[in-house]
PDBML (XML) file of the C-alpha atoms, coordinates in Angstrom:
<?xml version="1.0" encoding="UTF-8" ?>
<PDBx:datablock datablockName="MODEL"
   xmlns:PDBx="http://pdbml.pdb.org/schema/pdbx-v50.xsd"
   xmlns:xsi="http://www.w3.org/2001/XMLSchema-instance"
   xsi:schemaLocation="http://pdbml.pdb.org/schema/pdbx-v50.xsd pdbx-v50.xsd">
   <PDBx:atom_siteCategory>
      <PDBx:atom_site id="1">
         <PDBx:B_iso_or_equiv>0.00</PDBx:B_iso_or_equiv>
         <PDBx:Cartn_x>78.371</PDBx:Cartn_x>
         <PDBx:Cartn_y>103.067</PDBx:Cartn_y>
         <PDBx:Cartn_z>77.367</PDBx:Cartn_z>
         <PDBx:auth_asym_id>A</PDBx:auth_asym_id>
         <PDBx:auth_atom_id>CA</PDBx:auth_atom_id>
         <PDBx:auth_comp_id>VAL</PDBx:auth_comp_id>
         <PDBx:auth_seq_id>1</PDBx:auth_seq_id>
         <PDBx:group_PDB>ATOM</PDBx:group_PDB>
         <PDBx:label_alt_id xsi:nil="true" />
         <PDBx:label_asym_id>A</PDBx:label_asym_id>
         <PDBx:label_atom_id>CA</PDBx:label_atom_id>
         <PDBx:label_comp_id>VAL</PDBx:label_comp_id>
         <PDBx:label_entity_id>1</PDBx:label_entity_id>
         <PDBx:label_seq_id>1</PDBx:label_seq_id>
         <PDBx:occupancy>1.00</PDBx:occupancy>
         <PDBx:pdbx_PDB_model_num>1</PDBx:pdbx_PDB_model_num>
         <PDBx:type_symbol>C</PDBx:type_symbol>
      </PDBx:atom_site>
      <PDBx:atom_site id="2">
         <PDBx:B_iso_or_equiv>0.00</PDBx:B_iso_or_equiv>
         <PDBx:Cartn_x>75.807</PDBx:Cartn_x>
         <PDBx:Cartn_y>101.519</PDBx:Cartn_y>
         <PDBx:Cartn_z>79.571</PDBx:Cartn_z>
         <PDBx:auth_asym_id>A</PDBx:auth_asym_id>
         <PDBx:auth_atom_id>CA</PDBx:auth_atom_id>
         <PDBx:auth_comp_id>ALA</PDBx:auth_comp_id>
         <PDBx:auth_seq_id>2</PDBx:auth_seq_id>
         <PDBx:group_PDB>ATOM</PDBx:group_PDB>
         <PDBx:label_alt_id xsi:nil="true" />
         <PDBx:label_asym_id>A</PDBx:label_asym_id>
         <PDBx:label_atom_id>CA</PDBx:label_atom_id>
         <PDBx:label_comp_id>ALA</PDBx:label_comp_id>
         <PDBx:label_entity_id>1</PDBx:label_entity_id>
         <PDBx:label_seq_id>2</PDBx:label_seq_id>
         <PDBx:occupancy>1.00</PDBx:occupancy>
         <PDBx:pdbx_PDB_model_num>1</PDBx:pdbx_PDB_model_num>
         <PDBx:type_symbol>C</PDBx:type_symbol>
      </PDBx:atom_site>
      <PDBx:atom_site id="3">
         <PDBx:B_iso_or_equiv>0.00</PDBx:B_iso_or_equiv>
         <PDBx:Cartn_x>77.971</PDBx:Cartn_x>
         <PDBx:Cartn_y>98.977</PDBx:Cartn_y>
         <PDBx:Cartn_z>81.182</PDBx:Cartn_z>
         <PDBx:auth_asym_id>A</PDBx:auth_asym_id>
         <PDBx:auth_atom_id>CA</PDBx:auth_atom_id>
         <PDBx:auth_comp_id>ASN</PDBx:auth_comp_id>
         <PDBx:auth_seq_id>3</PDBx:auth_seq_id>
         <PDBx:group_PDB>ATOM</PDBx:group_PDB>
         <PDBx:label_alt_id xsi:nil="true" />
         <PDBx:label_asym_id>A</PDBx:label_asym_id>
         <PDBx:label_atom_id>CA</PDBx:label_atom_id>
         <PDBx:label_comp_id>ASN</PDBx:label_comp_id>
         <PDBx:label_entity_id>1</PDBx:label_entity_id>
         <PDBx:label_seq_id>3</PDBx:label_seq_id>
         <PDBx:occupancy>1.00</PDBx:occupancy>
         <PDBx:pdbx_PDB_model_num>1</PDBx:pdbx_PDB_model_num>
         <PDBx:type_symbol>C</PDBx:type_symbol>
      </PDBx:atom_site>
      <PDBx:atom_site id="4">
         <PDBx:B_iso_or_equiv>0.00</PDBx:B_iso_or_equiv>
         <PDBx:Cartn_x>80.658</PDBx:Cartn_x>
         <PDBx:Cartn_y>101.547</PDBx:Cartn_y>
         <PDBx:Cartn_z>81.549</PDBx:Cartn_z>
         <PDBx:auth_asym_id>A</PDBx:auth_asym_id>
         <PDBx:auth_atom_id>CA</PDBx:auth_atom_id>
         <PDBx:auth_comp_id>ALA</PDBx:auth_comp_id>
         <PDBx:auth_seq_id>4</PDBx:auth_seq_id>
         <PDBx:group_PDB>ATOM</PDBx:group_PDB>
         <PDBx:label_alt_id xsi:nil="true" />
         <PDBx:label_asym_id>A</PDBx:label_asym_id>
         <PDBx:label_atom_id>CA</PDBx:label_atom_id>
         <PDBx:label_comp_id>ALA</PDBx:label_comp_id>
         <PDBx:label_entity_id>1</PDBx:label_entity_id>
         <PDBx:label_seq_id>4</PDBx:label_seq_id>
         <PDBx:occupancy>1.00</PDBx:occupancy>
         <PDBx:pdbx_PDB_model_num>1</PDBx:pdbx_PDB_model_num>
         <PDBx:type_symbol>C</PDBx:type_symbol>
      </PDBx:atom_site>
      <PDBx:atom_site id="5">
         <PDBx:B_iso_or_equiv>0.00</PDBx:B_iso_or_equiv>
         <PDBx:Cartn_x>77.934</PDBx:Cartn_x>
         <PDBx:Cartn_y>104.181</PDBx:Cartn_y>
         <PDBx:Cartn_z>83.724</PDBx:Cartn_z>
         <PDBx:auth_asym_id>A</PDBx:auth_asym_id>
         <PDBx:auth_atom_id>CA</PDBx:auth_atom_id>
         <PDBx:auth_comp_id>ALA</PDBx:auth_comp_id>
         <PDBx:auth_seq_id>5</PDBx:auth_seq_id>
         <PDBx:group_PDB>ATOM</PDBx:group_PDB>
         <PDBx:label_alt_id xsi:nil="true" />
         <PDBx:label_asym_id>A</PDBx:label_asym_id>
         <PDBx:label_atom_id>CA</PDBx:label_atom_id>
         <PDBx:label_comp_id>ALA</PDBx:label_comp_id>
         <PDBx:label_entity_id>1</PDBx:label_entity_id>
         <PDBx:label_seq_id>5</PDBx:label_seq_id>
         <PDBx:occupancy>1.00</PDBx:occupancy>
         <PDBx:pdbx_PDB_model_num>1</PDBx:pdbx_PDB_model_num>
         <PDBx:type_symbol>C</PDBx:type_symbol>
      </PDBx:atom_site>
      <PDBx:atom_site id="6">
         <PDBx:B_iso_or_equiv>0.00</PDBx:B_iso_or_equiv>
         <PDBx:Cartn_x>79.691</PDBx:Cartn_x>
         <PDBx:Cartn_y>106.164</PDBx:Cartn_y>
         <PDBx:Cartn_z>86.288</PDBx:Cartn_z>
         <PDBx:auth_asym_id>A</PDBx:auth_asym_id>
         <PDBx:auth_atom_id>CA</PDBx:auth_atom_id>
         <PDBx:auth_comp_id>GLU</PDBx:auth_comp_id>
         <PDBx:auth_seq_id>6</PDBx:auth_seq_id>
         <PDBx:group_PDB>ATOM</PDBx:group_PDB>
         <PDBx:label_alt_id xsi:nil="true" />
         <PDBx:label_asym_id>A</PDBx:label_asym_id>
         <PDBx:label_atom_id>CA</PDBx:label_atom_id>
         <PDBx:label_comp_id>GLU</PDBx:label_comp_id>
         <PDBx:label_entity_id>1</PDBx:label_entity_id>
         <PDBx:label_seq_id>6</PDBx:label_seq_id>
         <PDBx:occupancy>1.00</PDBx:occupancy>
         <PDBx:pdbx_PDB_model_num>1</PDBx:pdbx_PDB_model_num>
         <PDBx:type_symbol>C</PDBx:type_symbol>
      </PDBx:atom_site>
      <PDBx:atom_site id="7">
         <PDBx:B_iso_or_equiv>0.00</PDBx:B_iso_or_equiv>
         <PDBx:Cartn_x>79.294</PDBx:Cartn_x>
         <PDBx:Cartn_y>104.976</PDBx:Cartn_y>
         <PDBx:Cartn_z>89.759</PDBx:Cartn_z>
         <PDBx:auth_asym_id>A</PDBx:auth_asym_id>
         <PDBx:auth_atom_id>CA</PDBx:auth_atom_id>
         <PDBx:auth_comp_id>ASN</PDBx:auth_comp_id>
         <PDBx:auth_seq_id>7</PDBx:auth_seq_id>
         <PDBx:group_PDB>ATOM</PDBx:group_PDB>
         <PDBx:label_alt_id xsi:nil="true" />
         <PDBx:label_asym_id>A</PDBx:label_asym_id>
         <PDBx:label_atom_id>CA</PDBx:label_atom_id>
         <PDBx:label_comp_id>ASN</PDBx:label_comp_id>
         <PDBx:label_entity_id>1</PDBx:label_entity_id>
         <PDBx:label_seq_id>7</PDBx:label_seq_id>
         <PDBx:occupancy>1.00</PDBx:occupancy>
         <PDBx:pdbx_PDB_model_num>1</PDBx:pdbx_PDB_model_num>
         <PDBx:type_symbol>C</PDBx:type_symbol>
      </PDBx:atom_site>
      <PDBx:atom_site id="8">
         <PDBx:B_iso_or_equiv>0.00</PDBx:B_iso_or_equiv>
         <PDBx:Cartn_x>77.186</PDBx:Cartn_x>
         <PDBx:Cartn_y>108.088</PDBx:Cartn_y>
         <PDBx:Cartn_z>91.212</PDBx:Cartn_z>
         <PDBx:auth_asym_id>A</PDBx:auth_asym_id>
         <PDBx:auth_atom_id>CA</PDBx:auth_atom_id>
         <PDBx:auth_comp_id>ASP</PDBx:auth_comp_id>
         <PDBx:auth_seq_id>8</PDBx:auth_seq_id>
         <PDBx:group_PDB>ATOM</PDBx:group_PDB>
         <PDBx:label_alt_id xsi:nil="true" />
         <PDBx:label_asym_id>A</PDBx:label_asym_id>
         <PDBx:label_atom_id>CA</PDBx:label_atom_id>
         <PDBx:label_comp_id>ASP</PDBx:label_comp_id>
         <PDBx:label_entity_id>1</PDBx:label_entity_id>
         <PDBx:label_seq_id>8</PDBx:label_seq_id>
         <PDBx:occupancy>1.00</PDBx:occupancy>
         <PDBx:pdbx_PDB_model_num>1</PDBx:pdbx_PDB_model_num>
         <PDBx:type_symbol>C</PDBx:type_symbol>
      </PDBx:atom_site>
      <PDBx:atom_site id="9">
         <PDBx:B_iso_or_equiv>0.00</PDBx:B_iso_or_equiv>
         <PDBx:Cartn_x>76.115</PDBx:Cartn_x>
         <PDBx:Cartn_y>109.065</PDBx:Cartn_y>
         <PDBx:Cartn_z>94.748</PDBx:Cartn_z>
         <PDBx:auth_asym_id>A</PDBx:auth_asym_id>
         <PDBx:auth_atom_id>CA</PDBx:auth_atom_id>
         <PDBx:auth_comp_id>GLY</PDBx:auth_comp_id>
         <PDBx:auth_seq_id>9</PDBx:auth_seq_id>
         <PDBx:group_PDB>ATOM</PDBx:group_PDB>
         <PDBx:label_alt_id xsi:nil="true" />
         <PDBx:label_asym_id>A</PDBx:label_asym_id>
         <PDBx:label_atom_id>CA</PDBx:label_atom_id>
         <PDBx:label_comp_id>GLY</PDBx:label_comp_id>
         <PDBx:label_entity_id>1</PDBx:label_entity_id>
         <PDBx:label_seq_id>9</PDBx:label_seq_id>
         <PDBx:occupancy>1.00</PDBx:occupancy>
         <PDBx:pdbx_PDB_model_num>1</PDBx:pdbx_PDB_model_num>
         <PDBx:type_symbol>C</PDBx:type_symbol>
      </PDBx:atom_site>
      <PDBx:atom_site id="10">
         <PDBx:B_iso_or_equiv>0.00</PDBx:B_iso_or_equiv>
         <PDBx:Cartn_x>72.788</PDBx:Cartn_x>
         <PDBx:Cartn_y>110.102</PDBx:Cartn_y>
         <PDBx:Cartn_z>95.633</PDBx:Cartn_z>
         <PDBx:auth_asym_id>A</PDBx:auth_asym_id>
         <PDBx:auth_atom_id>CA</PDBx:auth_atom_id>
         <PDBx:auth_comp_id>VAL</PDBx:auth_comp_id>
         <PDBx:auth_seq_id>10</PDBx:auth_seq_id>
         <PDBx:group_PDB>ATOM</PDBx:group_PDB>
         <PDBx:label_alt_id xsi:nil="true" />
         <PDBx:label_asym_id>A</PDBx:label_asym_id>
         <PDBx:label_atom_id>CA</PDBx:label_atom_id>
         <PDBx:label_comp_id>VAL</PDBx:label_comp_id>
         <PDBx:label_entity_id>1</PDBx:label_entity_id>
         <PDBx:label_seq_id>10</PDBx:label_seq_id>
         <PDBx:occupancy>1.00</PDBx:occupancy>
         <PDBx:pdbx_PDB_model_num>1</PDBx:pdbx_PDB_model_num>
         <PDBx:type_symbol>C</PDBx:type_symbol>
      </PDBx:atom_site>
      <PDBx:atom_site id="11">
         <PDBx:B_iso_or_equiv>0.00</PDBx:B_iso_or_equiv>
         <PDBx:Cartn_x>73.293</PDBx:Cartn_x>
         <PDBx:Cartn_y>113.061</PDBx:Cartn_y>
         <PDBx:Cartn_z>98.011</PDBx:Cartn_z>
         <PDBx:auth_asym_id>A</PDBx:auth_asym_id>
         <PDBx:auth_atom_id>CA</PDBx:auth_atom_id>
         <PDBx:auth_comp_id>GLU</PDBx:auth_comp_id>
         <PDBx:auth_seq_id>11</PDBx:auth_seq_id>
         <PDBx:group_PDB>ATOM</PDBx:group_PDB>
         <PDBx:label_alt_id xsi:nil="true" />
         <PDBx:label_asym_id>A</PDBx:label_asym_id>
         <PDBx:label_atom_id>CA</PDBx:label_atom_id>
         <PDBx:label_comp_id>GLU</PDBx:label_comp_id>
         <PDBx:label_entity_id>1</PDBx:label_entity_id>
         <PDBx:label_seq_id>11</PDBx:label_seq_id>
         <PDBx:occupancy>1.00</PDBx:occupancy>
         <PDBx:pdbx_PDB_model_num>1</PDBx:pdbx_PDB_model_num>
         <PDBx:type_symbol>C</PDBx:type_symbol>
      </PDBx:atom_site>
      <PDBx:atom_site id="12">
         <PDBx:B_iso_or_equiv>0.00</PDBx:B_iso_or_equiv>
         <PDBx:Cartn_x>73.247</PDBx:Cartn_x>
         <PDBx:Cartn_y>116.473</PDBx:Cartn_y>
         <PDBx:Cartn_z>95.931</PDBx:Cartn_z>
         <PDBx:auth_asym_id>A</PDBx:auth_asym_id>
         <PDBx:auth_atom_id>CA</PDBx:auth_atom_id>
         <PDBx:auth_comp_id>LYS</PDBx:auth_comp_id>
         <PDBx:auth_seq_id>12</PDBx:auth_seq_id>
         <PDBx:group_PDB>ATOM</PDBx:group_PDB>
         <PDBx:label_alt_id xsi:nil="true" />
         <PDBx:label_asym_id>A</PDBx:label_asym_id>
         <PDBx:label_atom_id>CA</PDBx:label_atom_id>
         <PDBx:label_comp_id>LYS</PDBx:label_comp_id>
         <PDBx:label_entity_id>1</PDBx:label_entity_id>
         <PDBx:label_seq_id>12</PDBx:label_seq_id>
         <PDBx:occupancy>1.00</PDBx:occupancy>
         <PDBx:pdbx_PDB_model_num>1</PDBx:pdbx_PDB_model_num>
         <PDBx:type_symbol>C</PDBx:type_symbol>
      </PDBx:atom_site>
      <PDBx:atom_site id="13">
         <PDBx:B_iso_or_equiv>0.00</PDBx:B_iso_or_equiv>
         <PDBx:Cartn_x>75.855</PDBx:Cartn_x>
         <PDBx:Cartn_y>119.235</PDBx:Cartn_y>
         <PDBx:Cartn_z>97.202</PDBx:Cartn_z>
         <PDBx:auth_asym_id>A</PDBx:auth_asym_id>
         <PDBx:auth_atom_id>CA</PDBx:auth_atom_id>
         <PDBx:auth_comp_id>ILE</PDBx:auth_comp_id>
         <PDBx:auth_seq_id>13</PDBx:auth_seq_id>
         <PDBx:group_PDB>ATOM</PDBx:group_PDB>
         <PDBx:label_alt_id xsi:nil="true" />
         <PDBx:label_asym_id>A</PDBx:label_asym_id>
         <PDBx:label_atom_id>CA</PDBx:label_atom_id>
         <PDBx:label_comp_id>ILE</PDBx:label_comp_id>
         <PDBx:label_entity_id>1</PDBx:label_entity_id>
         <PDBx:label_seq_id>13</PDBx:label_seq_id>
         <PDBx:occupancy>1.00</PDBx:occupancy>
         <PDBx:pdbx_PDB_model_num>1</PDBx:pdbx_PDB_model_num>
         <PDBx:type_symbol>C</PDBx:type_symbol>
      </PDBx:atom_site>
      <PDBx:atom_site id="14">
         <PDBx:B_iso_or_equiv>0.00</PDBx:B_iso_or_equiv>
         <PDBx:Cartn_x>74.886</PDBx:Cartn_x>
         <PDBx:Cartn_y>122.836</PDBx:Cartn_y>
         <PDBx:Cartn_z>97.277</PDBx:Cartn_z>
         <PDBx:auth_asym_id>A</PDBx:auth_asym_id>
         <PDBx:auth_atom_id>CA</PDBx:auth_atom_id>
         <PDBx:auth_comp_id>HIS</PDBx:auth_comp_id>
         <PDBx:auth_seq_id>14</PDBx:auth_seq_id>
         <PDBx:group_PDB>ATOM</PDBx:group_PDB>
         <PDBx:label_alt_id xsi:nil="true" />
         <PDBx:label_asym_id>A</PDBx:label_asym_id>
         <PDBx:label_atom_id>CA</PDBx:label_atom_id>
         <PDBx:label_comp_id>HIS</PDBx:label_comp_id>
         <PDBx:label_entity_id>1</PDBx:label_entity_id>
         <PDBx:label_seq_id>14</PDBx:label_seq_id>
         <PDBx:occupancy>1.00</PDBx:occupancy>
         <PDBx:pdbx_PDB_model_num>1</PDBx:pdbx_PDB_model_num>
         <PDBx:type_symbol>C</PDBx:type_symbol>
      </PDBx:atom_site>
      <PDBx:atom_site id="15">
         <PDBx:B_iso_or_equiv>0.00</PDBx:B_iso_or_equiv>
         <PDBx:Cartn_x>78.007</PDBx:Cartn_x>
         <PDBx:Cartn_y>124.975</PDBx:Cartn_y>
         <PDBx:Cartn_z>98.044</PDBx:Cartn_z>
         <PDBx:auth_asym_id>A</PDBx:auth_asym_id>
         <PDBx:auth_atom_id>CA</PDBx:auth_atom_id>
         <PDBx:auth_comp_id>SER</PDBx:auth_comp_id>
         <PDBx:auth_seq_id>15</PDBx:auth_seq_id>
         <PDBx:group_PDB>ATOM</PDBx:group_PDB>
         <PDBx:label_alt_id xsi:nil="true" />
         <PDBx:label_asym_id>A</PDBx:label_asym_id>
         <PDBx:label_atom_id>CA</PDBx:label_atom_id>
         <PDBx:label_comp_id>SER</PDBx:label_comp_id>
         <PDBx:label_entity_id>1</PDBx:label_entity_id>
         <PDBx:label_seq_id>15</PDBx:label_seq_id>
         <PDBx:occupancy>1.00</PDBx:occupancy>
         <PDBx:pdbx_PDB_model_num>1</PDBx:pdbx_PDB_model_num>
         <PDBx:type_symbol>C</PDBx:type_symbol>
      </PDBx:atom_site>
      <PDBx:atom_site id="16">
         <PDBx:B_iso_or_equiv>0.00</PDBx:B_iso_or_equiv>
         <PDBx:Cartn_x>81.782</PDBx:Cartn_x>
         <PDBx:Cartn_y>123.628</PDBx:Cartn_y>
         <PDBx:Cartn_z>99.182</PDBx:Cartn_z>
         <PDBx:auth_asym_id>A</PDBx:auth_asym_id>
         <PDBx:auth_atom_id>CA</PDBx:auth_atom_id>
         <PDBx:auth_comp_id>ILE</PDBx:auth_comp_id>
         <PDBx:auth_seq_id>16</PDBx:auth_seq_id>
         <PDBx:group_PDB>ATOM</PDBx:group_PDB>
         <PDBx:label_alt_id xsi:nil="true" />
         <PDBx:label_asym_id>A</PDBx:label_asym_id>
         <PDBx:label_atom_id>CA</PDBx:label_atom_id>
         <PDBx:label_comp_id>ILE</PDBx:label_comp_id>
         <PDBx:label_entity_id>1</PDBx:label_entity_id>
         <PDBx:label_seq_id>16</PDBx:label_seq_id>
         <PDBx:occupancy>1.00</PDBx:occupancy>
         <PDBx:pdbx_PDB_model_num>1</PDBx:pdbx_PDB_model_num>
         <PDBx:type_symbol>C</PDBx:type_symbol>
      </PDBx:atom_site>
      <PDBx:atom_site id="17">
         <PDBx:B_iso_or_equiv>0.00</PDBx:B_iso_or_equiv>
         <PDBx:Cartn_x>80.812</PDBx:Cartn_x>
         <PDBx:Cartn_y>125.075</PDBx:Cartn_y>
         <PDBx:Cartn_z>102.510</PDBx:Cartn_z>
         <PDBx:auth_asym_id>A</PDBx:auth_asym_id>
         <PDBx:auth_atom_id>CA</PDBx:auth_atom_id>
         <PDBx:auth_comp_id>ASN</PDBx:auth_comp_id>
         <PDBx:auth_seq_id>17</PDBx:auth_seq_id>
         <PDBx:group_PDB>ATOM</PDBx:group_PDB>
         <PDBx:label_alt_id xsi:nil="true" />
         <PDBx:label_asym_id>A</PDBx:label_asym_id>
         <PDBx:label_atom_id>CA</PDBx:label_atom_id>
         <PDBx:label_comp_id>ASN</PDBx:label_comp_id>
         <PDBx:label_entity_id>1</PDBx:label_entity_id>
         <PDBx:label_seq_id>17</PDBx:label_seq_id>
         <PDBx:occupancy>1.00</PDBx:occupancy>
         <PDBx:pdbx_PDB_model_num>1</PDBx:pdbx_PDB_model_num>
         <PDBx:type_symbol>C</PDBx:type_symbol>
      </PDBx:atom_site>
      <PDBx:atom_site id="18">
         <PDBx:B_iso_or_equiv>0.00</PDBx:B_iso_or_equiv>
         <PDBx:Cartn_x>84.038</PDBx:Cartn_x>
         <PDBx:Cartn_y>124.195</PDBx:Cartn_y>
         <PDBx:Cartn_z>103.937</PDBx:Cartn_z>
         <PDBx:auth_asym_id>A</PDBx:auth_asym_id>
         <PDBx:auth_atom_id>CA</PDBx:auth_atom_id>
         <PDBx:auth_comp_id>GLY</PDBx:auth_comp_id>
         <PDBx:auth_seq_id>18</PDBx:auth_seq_id>
         <PDBx:group_PDB>ATOM</PDBx:group_PDB>
         <PDBx:label_alt_id xsi:nil="true" />
         <PDBx:label_asym_id>A</PDBx:label_asym_id>
         <PDBx:label_atom_id>CA</PDBx:label_atom_id>
         <PDBx:label_comp_id>GLY</PDBx:label_comp_id>
         <PDBx:label_entity_id>1</PDBx:label_entity_id>
         <PDBx:label_seq_id>18</PDBx:label_seq_id>
         <PDBx:occupancy>1.00</PDBx:occupancy>
         <PDBx:pdbx_PDB_model_num>1</PDBx:pdbx_PDB_model_num>
         <PDBx:type_symbol>C</PDBx:type_symbol>
      </PDBx:atom_site>
      <PDBx:atom_site id="19">
         <PDBx:B_iso_or_equiv>0.00</PDBx:B_iso_or_equiv>
         <PDBx:Cartn_x>87.831</PDBx:Cartn_x>
         <PDBx:Cartn_y>122.351</PDBx:Cartn_y>
         <PDBx:Cartn_z>103.255</PDBx:Cartn_z>
         <PDBx:auth_asym_id>A</PDBx:auth_asym_id>
         <PDBx:auth_atom_id>CA</PDBx:auth_atom_id>
         <PDBx:auth_comp_id>SER</PDBx:auth_comp_id>
         <PDBx:auth_seq_id>19</PDBx:auth_seq_id>
         <PDBx:group_PDB>ATOM</PDBx:group_PDB>
         <PDBx:label_alt_id xsi:nil="true" />
         <PDBx:label_asym_id>A</PDBx:label_asym_id>
         <PDBx:label_atom_id>CA</PDBx:label_atom_id>
         <PDBx:label_comp_id>SER</PDBx:label_comp_id>
         <PDBx:label_entity_id>1</PDBx:label_entity_id>
         <PDBx:label_seq_id>19</PDBx:label_seq_id>
         <PDBx:occupancy>1.00</PDBx:occupancy>
         <PDBx:pdbx_PDB_model_num>1</PDBx:pdbx_PDB_model_num>
         <PDBx:type_symbol>C</PDBx:type_symbol>
      </PDBx:atom_site>
      <PDBx:atom_site id="20">
         <PDBx:B_iso_or_equiv>0.00</PDBx:B_iso_or_equiv>
         <PDBx:Cartn_x>88.386</PDBx:Cartn_x>
         <PDBx:Cartn_y>119.570</PDBx:Cartn_y>
         <PDBx:Cartn_z>100.719</PDBx:Cartn_z>
         <PDBx:auth_asym_id>A</PDBx:auth_asym_id>
         <PDBx:auth_atom_id>CA</PDBx:auth_atom_id>
         <PDBx:auth_comp_id>ILE</PDBx:auth_comp_id>
         <PDBx:auth_seq_id>20</PDBx:auth_seq_id>
         <PDBx:group_PDB>ATOM</PDBx:group_PDB>
         <PDBx:label_alt_id xsi:nil="true" />
         <PDBx:label_asym_id>A</PDBx:label_asym_id>
         <PDBx:label_atom_id>CA</PDBx:label_atom_id>
         <PDBx:label_comp_id>ILE</PDBx:label_comp_id>
         <PDBx:label_entity_id>1</PDBx:label_entity_id>
         <PDBx:label_seq_id>20</PDBx:label_seq_id>
         <PDBx:occupancy>1.00</PDBx:occupancy>
         <PDBx:pdbx_PDB_model_num>1</PDBx:pdbx_PDB_model_num>
         <PDBx:type_symbol>C</PDBx:type_symbol>
      </PDBx:atom_site>
      <PDBx:atom_site id="21">
         <PDBx:B_iso_or_equiv>0.00</PDBx:B_iso_or_equiv>
         <PDBx:Cartn_x>90.154</PDBx:Cartn_x>
         <PDBx:Cartn_y>117.305</PDBx:Cartn_y>
         <PDBx:Cartn_z>103.010</PDBx:Cartn_z>
         <PDBx:auth_asym_id>A</PDBx:auth_asym_id>
         <PDBx:auth_atom_id>CA</PDBx:auth_atom_id>
         <PDBx:auth_comp_id>GLN</PDBx:auth_comp_id>
         <PDBx:auth_seq_id>21</PDBx:auth_seq_id>
         <PDBx:group_PDB>ATOM</PDBx:group_PDB>
         <PDBx:label_alt_id xsi:nil="true" />
         <PDBx:label_asym_id>A</PDBx:label_asym_id>
         <PDBx:label_atom_id>CA</PDBx:label_atom_id>
         <PDBx:label_comp_id>GLN</PDBx:label_comp_id>
         <PDBx:label_entity_id>1</PDBx:label_entity_id>
         <PDBx:label_seq_id>21</PDBx:label_seq_id>
         <PDBx:occupancy>1.00</PDBx:occupancy>
         <PDBx:pdbx_PDB_model_num>1</PDBx:pdbx_PDB_model_num>
         <PDBx:type_symbol>C</PDBx:type_symbol>
      </PDBx:atom_site>
      <PDBx:atom_site id="22">
         <PDBx:B_iso_or_equiv>0.00</PDBx:B_iso_or_equiv>
         <PDBx:Cartn_x>92.324</PDBx:Cartn_x>
         <PDBx:Cartn_y>114.075</PDBx:Cartn_y>
         <PDBx:Cartn_z>101.180</PDBx:Cartn_z>
         <PDBx:auth_asym_id>A</PDBx:auth_asym_id>
         <PDBx:auth_atom_id>CA</PDBx:auth_atom_id>
         <PDBx:auth_comp_id>PHE</PDBx:auth_comp_id>
         <PDBx:auth_seq_id>22</PDBx:auth_seq_id>
         <PDBx:group_PDB>ATOM</PDBx:group_PDB>
         <PDBx:label_alt_id xsi:nil="true" />
         <PDBx:label_asym_id>A</PDBx:label_asym_id>
         <PDBx:label_atom_id>CA</PDBx:label_atom_id>
         <PDBx:label_comp_id>PHE</PDBx:label_comp_id>
         <PDBx:label_entity_id>1</PDBx:label_entity_id>
         <PDBx:label_seq_id>22</PDBx:label_seq_id>
         <PDBx:occupancy>1.00</PDBx:occupancy>
         <PDBx:pdbx_PDB_model_num>1</PDBx:pdbx_PDB_model_num>
         <PDBx:type_symbol>C</PDBx:type_symbol>
      </PDBx:atom_site>
      <PDBx:atom_site id="23">
         <PDBx:B_iso_or_equiv>0.00</PDBx:B_iso_or_equiv>
         <PDBx:Cartn_x>93.050</PDBx:Cartn_x>
         <PDBx:Cartn_y>111.547</PDBx:Cartn_y>
         <PDBx:Cartn_z>103.513</PDBx:Cartn_z>
         <PDBx:auth_asym_id>A</PDBx:auth_asym_id>
         <PDBx:auth_atom_id>CA</PDBx:auth_atom_id>
         <PDBx:auth_comp_id>THR</PDBx:auth_comp_id>
         <PDBx:auth_seq_id>23</PDBx:auth_seq_id>
         <PDBx:group_PDB>ATOM</PDBx:group_PDB>
         <PDBx:label_alt_id xsi:nil="true" />
         <PDBx:label_asym_id>A</PDBx:label_asym_id>
         <PDBx:label_atom_id>CA</PDBx:label_atom_id>
         <PDBx:label_comp_id>THR</PDBx:label_comp_id>
         <PDBx:label_entity_id>1</PDBx:label_entity_id>
         <PDBx:label_seq_id>23</PDBx:label_seq_id>
         <PDBx:occupancy>1.00</PDBx:occupancy>
         <PDBx:pdbx_PDB_model_num>1</PDBx:pdbx_PDB_model_num>
         <PDBx:type_symbol>C</PDBx:type_symbol>
      </PDBx:atom_site>
      <PDBx:atom_site id="24">
         <PDBx:B_iso_or_equiv>0.00</PDBx:B_iso_or_equiv>
         <PDBx:Cartn_x>95.877</PDBx:Cartn_x>
         <PDBx:Cartn_y>108.937</PDBx:Cartn_y>
         <PDBx:Cartn_z>102.705</PDBx:Cartn_z>
         <PDBx:auth_asym_id>A</PDBx:auth_asym_id>
         <PDBx:auth_atom_id>CA</PDBx:auth_atom_id>
         <PDBx:auth_comp_id>ASN</PDBx:auth_comp_id>
         <PDBx:auth_seq_id>24</PDBx:auth_seq_id>
         <PDBx:group_PDB>ATOM</PDBx:group_PDB>
         <PDBx:label_alt_id xsi:nil="true" />
         <PDBx:label_asym_id>A</PDBx:label_asym_id>
         <PDBx:label_atom_id>CA</PDBx:label_atom_id>
         <PDBx:label_comp_id>ASN</PDBx:label_comp_id>
         <PDBx:label_entity_id>1</PDBx:label_entity_id>
         <PDBx:label_seq_id>24</PDBx:label_seq_id>
         <PDBx:occupancy>1.00</PDBx:occupancy>
         <PDBx:pdbx_PDB_model_num>1</PDBx:pdbx_PDB_model_num>
         <PDBx:type_symbol>C</PDBx:type_symbol>
      </PDBx:atom_site>
      <PDBx:atom_site id="25">
         <PDBx:B_iso_or_equiv>0.00</PDBx:B_iso_or_equiv>
         <PDBx:Cartn_x>94.487</PDBx:Cartn_x>
         <PDBx:Cartn_y>108.965</PDBx:Cartn_y>
         <PDBx:Cartn_z>99.024</PDBx:Cartn_z>
         <PDBx:auth_asym_id>A</PDBx:auth_asym_id>
         <PDBx:auth_atom_id>CA</PDBx:auth_atom_id>
         <PDBx:auth_comp_id>VAL</PDBx:auth_comp_id>
         <PDBx:auth_seq_id>25</PDBx:auth_seq_id>
         <PDBx:group_PDB>ATOM</PDBx:group_PDB>
         <PDBx:label_alt_id xsi:nil="true" />
         <PDBx:label_asym_id>A</PDBx:label_asym_id>
         <PDBx:label_atom_id>CA</PDBx:label_atom_id>
         <PDBx:label_comp_id>VAL</PDBx:label_comp_id>
         <PDBx:label_entity_id>1</PDBx:label_entity_id>
         <PDBx:label_seq_id>25</PDBx:label_seq_id>
         <PDBx:occupancy>1.00</PDBx:occupancy>
         <PDBx:pdbx_PDB_model_num>1</PDBx:pdbx_PDB_model_num>
         <PDBx:type_symbol>C</PDBx:type_symbol>
      </PDBx:atom_site>
   </PDBx:atom_siteCategory>
</PDBx:datablock>
């Protein structure tokens, strides 16, 4: 479980105030 820890960012988002954009994913 420890070795499979999720890669997590540090920036917290409090609202989806805009569009969600997929670019060449």
